[in-house]
């Protein structure tokens, strides 16, 4: 049995550790251990997925109950553990882009700047 780090899906903080073989659905707080000695228990033992809260904020640490983030997220790579898979293996949410160029999202239309100044407003009525 090996301890794996658990990261929050929202704030990406290392919130806990867990035994890889001990993680199963439905998730319970008792499955998680403090991230280091001396830290408080991160999630109450009786908490289910719906009632779990990140120790760093008031948000739910796992967006989807069956996907647990097990490493720091980087652009294009989010290491997750899928608890619904028959064989437990680490996956990434997105495939790496084939080109070396960054993945660009379409931009919203921008207003054209004409270079002219607006007249100043004089006093209010």
C-alpha atoms as a PDB file:
ATOM      1  CA  UNK A   1       0.000   0.000   0.000  1.00  0.00           C
ATOM      2  CA  UNK A   2       1.345   3.346  -0.986  1.00  0.00           C
ATOM      3  CA  UNK A   3       0.366   6.814   0.156  1.00  0.00           C
ATOM      4  CA  UNK A   4      -0.499   9.177  -2.670  1.00  0.00           C
ATOM      5  CA  UNK A   5      -0.886  12.962  -2.379  1.00  0.00           C
ATOM      6  CA  UNK A   6      -4.375  14.392  -2.875  1.00  0.00           C
ATOM      7  CA  UNK A   7      -4.835  17.884  -4.343  1.00  0.00           C
ATOM      8  CA  UNK A   8      -7.881  20.167  -4.380  1.00  0.00           C
ATOM      9  CA  UNK A   9      -9.473  20.541  -7.834  1.00  0.00           C
ATOM     10  CA  UNK A  10     -10.275  24.204  -7.179  1.00  0.00           C
ATOM     11  CA  UNK A  11      -7.276  25.758  -5.391  1.00  0.00           C
ATOM     12  CA  UNK A  12      -4.709  23.037  -6.350  1.00  0.00           C
ATOM     13  CA  UNK A  13      -3.377  22.833  -2.766  1.00  0.00           C
ATOM     14  CA  UNK A  14      -2.010  19.567  -1.386  1.00  0.00           C
ATOM     15  CA  UNK A  15      -4.830  18.829   1.074  1.00  0.00           C
ATOM     16  CA  UNK A  16      -4.308  15.219   2.149  1.00  0.00           C
ATOM     17  CA  UNK A  17      -2.713  11.839   1.547  1.00  0.00           C
ATOM     18  CA  UNK A  18      -4.531   8.567   0.986  1.00  0.00           C
ATOM     19  CA  UNK A  19      -3.832   4.874   0.582  1.00  0.00           C
ATOM     20  CA  UNK A  20      -4.307   4.200  -3.134  1.00  0.00           C
ATOM     21  CA  UNK A  21      -5.915   0.819  -2.402  1.00  0.00           C
ATOM     22  CA  UNK A  22      -8.246   2.403   0.181  1.00  0.00           C
ATOM     23  CA  UNK A  23      -9.932   4.854  -2.204  1.00  0.00           C
ATOM     24  CA  UNK A  24     -13.286   3.650  -3.495  1.00  0.00           C
ATOM     25  CA  UNK A  25     -16.789   4.934  -4.120  1.00  0.00           C
ATOM     26  CA  UNK A  26     -18.614   6.330  -2.255  1.00  0.00           C
ATOM     27  CA  UNK A  27     -15.905   8.657  -0.958  1.00  0.00           C
ATOM     28  CA  UNK A  28     -15.757   9.161   2.804  1.00  0.00           C
ATOM     29  CA  UNK A  29     -13.601  11.530   4.847  1.00  0.00           C
ATOM     30  CA  UNK A  30     -12.103   8.585   6.753  1.00  0.00           C
ATOM     31  CA  UNK A  31     -10.240   7.570   3.568  1.00  0.00           C
ATOM     32  CA  UNK A  32      -7.996  10.657   3.792  1.00  0.00           C
ATOM     33  CA  UNK A  33      -5.035  11.307   6.098  1.00  0.00           C
ATOM     34  CA  UNK A  34      -3.238  14.555   7.021  1.00  0.00           C
ATOM     35  CA  UNK A  35      -0.716  15.710   4.441  1.00  0.00           C
ATOM     36  CA  UNK A  36       2.096  15.771   7.039  1.00  0.00           C
ATOM     37  CA  UNK A  37       2.579  14.850  10.683  1.00  0.00           C
ATOM     38  CA  UNK A  38       1.262  17.591  12.940  1.00  0.00           C
ATOM     39  CA  UNK A  39      -1.463  18.749  10.544  1.00  0.00           C
ATOM     40  CA  UNK A  40      -5.109  18.282  11.552  1.00  0.00           C
ATOM     41  CA  UNK A  41      -7.248  15.659   9.825  1.00  0.00           C
ATOM     42  CA  UNK A  42      -8.252  17.357   6.544  1.00  0.00           C
ATOM     43  CA  UNK A  43     -11.831  16.071   6.225  1.00  0.00           C
ATOM     44  CA  UNK A  44     -14.201  14.830   8.958  1.00  0.00           C
ATOM     45  CA  UNK A  45     -14.408  11.012   8.928  1.00  0.00           C
ATOM     46  CA  UNK A  46     -18.191  10.907   8.431  1.00  0.00           C
ATOM     47  CA  UNK A  47     -18.235  13.453   5.550  1.00  0.00           C
ATOM     48  CA  UNK A  48     -19.412  12.162   2.186  1.00  0.00           C
ATOM     49  CA  UNK A  49     -18.454  13.730  -1.146  1.00  0.00           C
ATOM     50  CA  UNK A  50     -21.381  16.183  -1.007  1.00  0.00           C
ATOM     51  CA  UNK A  51     -20.289  17.535   2.386  1.00  0.00           C
ATOM     52  CA  UNK A  52     -16.479  17.510   2.013  1.00  0.00           C
ATOM     53  CA  UNK A  53     -14.850  20.947   2.122  1.00  0.00           C
ATOM     54  CA  UNK A  54     -11.287  21.939   1.268  1.00  0.00           C
ATOM     55  CA  UNK A  55      -9.277  22.857   4.377  1.00  0.00           C
ATOM     56  CA  UNK A  56      -8.019  25.953   2.494  1.00  0.00           C
ATOM     57  CA  UNK A  57     -11.445  27.380   1.601  1.00  0.00           C
ATOM     58  CA  UNK A  58     -15.193  26.843   1.662  1.00  0.00           C
ATOM     59  CA  UNK A  59     -15.300  24.933  -1.636  1.00  0.00           C
ATOM     60  CA  UNK A  60     -15.700  21.235  -2.426  1.00  0.00           C
ATOM     61  CA  UNK A  61     -12.224  19.730  -3.056  1.00  0.00           C
ATOM     62  CA  UNK A  62     -13.358  17.286  -5.765  1.00  0.00           C
ATOM     63  CA  UNK A  63     -15.475  18.503  -8.688  1.00  0.00           C
ATOM     64  CA  UNK A  64     -16.449  14.969  -9.670  1.00  0.00           C
ATOM     65  CA  UNK A  65     -16.767  12.237  -7.069  1.00  0.00           C
ATOM     66  CA  UNK A  66     -14.967   9.601  -9.127  1.00  0.00           C
ATOM     67  CA  UNK A  67     -11.971  11.767 -10.191  1.00  0.00           C
ATOM     68  CA  UNK A  68      -9.328  12.597  -7.564  1.00  0.00           C
ATOM     69  CA  UNK A  69      -6.408  14.910  -8.426  1.00  0.00           C
ATOM     70  CA  UNK A  70      -3.177  13.202  -7.350  1.00  0.00           C
ATOM     71  CA  UNK A  71      -0.568  15.703  -8.472  1.00  0.00           C
ATOM     72  CA  UNK A  72      -0.085  19.372  -9.188  1.00  0.00           C
ATOM     73  CA  UNK A  73      -1.964  20.516 -12.277  1.00  0.00           C
ATOM     74  CA  UNK A  74      -0.055  22.150 -15.104  1.00  0.00           C
ATOM     75  CA  UNK A  75      -1.450  23.605 -18.350  1.00  0.00           C
ATOM     76  CA  UNK A  76      -2.765  20.687 -20.377  1.00  0.00           C
ATOM     77  CA  UNK A  77      -2.025  18.114 -17.674  1.00  0.00           C
ATOM     78  CA  UNK A  78      -4.115  17.275 -14.619  1.00  0.00           C
ATOM     79  CA  UNK A  79      -3.076  13.948 -13.059  1.00  0.00           C
ATOM     80  CA  UNK A  80      -6.194  12.237 -11.756  1.00  0.00           C
ATOM     81  CA  UNK A  81      -7.137   8.892 -10.293  1.00  0.00           C
ATOM     82  CA  UNK A  82     -10.386   7.556 -11.804  1.00  0.00           C
ATOM     83  CA  UNK A  83     -12.180   5.480  -9.172  1.00  0.00           C
ATOM     84  CA  UNK A  84     -14.630   4.039 -11.716  1.00  0.00           C
ATOM     85  CA  UNK A  85     -11.895   2.372 -13.781  1.00  0.00           C
ATOM     86  CA  UNK A  86     -11.569  -1.404 -13.372  1.00  0.00           C
ATOM     87  CA  UNK A  87      -7.820  -1.119 -12.928  1.00  0.00           C
ATOM     88  CA  UNK A  88      -6.692   1.914 -10.976  1.00  0.00           C
ATOM     89  CA  UNK A  89      -4.270   3.952 -13.056  1.00  0.00           C
ATOM     90  CA  UNK A  90      -3.219   7.567 -13.228  1.00  0.00           C
ATOM     91  CA  UNK A  91      -4.706   9.518 -16.128  1.00  0.00           C
ATOM     92  CA  UNK A  92      -4.560  13.032 -17.489  1.00  0.00           C
ATOM     93  CA  UNK A  93      -7.730  14.919 -18.408  1.00  0.00           C
ATOM     94  CA  UNK A  94      -6.441  16.307 -21.675  1.00  0.00           C
ATOM     95  CA  UNK A  95      -4.128  15.020 -24.339  1.00  0.00           C
ATOM     96  CA  UNK A  96      -0.919  16.970 -24.862  1.00  0.00           C
ATOM     97  CA  UNK A  97      -1.115  19.306 -27.878  1.00  0.00           C
ATOM     98  CA  UNK A  98       0.669  17.970 -30.950  1.00  0.00           C
ATOM     99  CA  UNK A  99       2.286  21.293 -31.782  1.00  0.00           C
ATOM    100  CA  UNK A 100       4.659  23.264 -29.603  1.00  0.00           C
ATOM    101  CA  UNK A 101       2.445  26.353 -29.824  1.00  0.00           C
ATOM    102  CA  UNK A 102       0.274  27.208 -26.820  1.00  0.00           C
ATOM    103  CA  UNK A 103      -3.392  26.296 -27.042  1.00  0.00           C
ATOM    104  CA  UNK A 104      -5.155  29.590 -27.758  1.00  0.00           C
ATOM    105  CA  UNK A 105      -8.828  30.180 -27.060  1.00  0.00           C
ATOM    106  CA  UNK A 106     -10.775  32.415 -29.455  1.00  0.00           C
ATOM    107  CA  UNK A 107     -10.824  36.016 -28.302  1.00  0.00           C
ATOM    108  CA  UNK A 108     -13.898  38.146 -27.859  1.00  0.00           C
ATOM    109  CA  UNK A 109     -14.309  40.959 -30.413  1.00  0.00           C
ATOM    110  CA  UNK A 110     -12.585  44.134 -29.268  1.00  0.00           C
ATOM    111  CA  UNK A 111     -13.724  47.713 -29.861  1.00  0.00           C
ATOM    112  CA  UNK A 112     -11.697  49.558 -32.482  1.00  0.00           C
ATOM    113  CA  UNK A 113      -9.659  52.500 -31.201  1.00  0.00           C
ATOM    114  CA  UNK A 114      -9.849  55.479 -33.550  1.00  0.00           C
ATOM    115  CA  UNK A 115      -7.312  57.660 -31.776  1.00  0.00           C
ATOM    116  CA  UNK A 116      -9.809  60.513 -31.389  1.00  0.00           C
ATOM    117  CA  UNK A 117     -10.468  61.977 -27.971  1.00  0.00           C
ATOM    118  CA  UNK A 118     -13.929  62.361 -26.562  1.00  0.00           C
ATOM    119  CA  UNK A 119     -15.031  65.871 -25.695  1.00  0.00           C
ATOM    120  CA  UNK A 120     -14.808  66.689 -21.996  1.00  0.00           C
ATOM    121  CA  UNK A 121     -18.045  66.853 -20.064  1.00  0.00           C
ATOM    122  CA  UNK A 122     -18.641  70.210 -18.460  1.00  0.00           C
ATOM    123  CA  UNK A 123     -20.511  70.169 -15.153  1.00  0.00           C
ATOM    124  CA  UNK A 124     -23.518  68.067 -14.373  1.00  0.00           C
ATOM    125  CA  UNK A 125     -27.100  69.235 -14.631  1.00  0.00           C
END
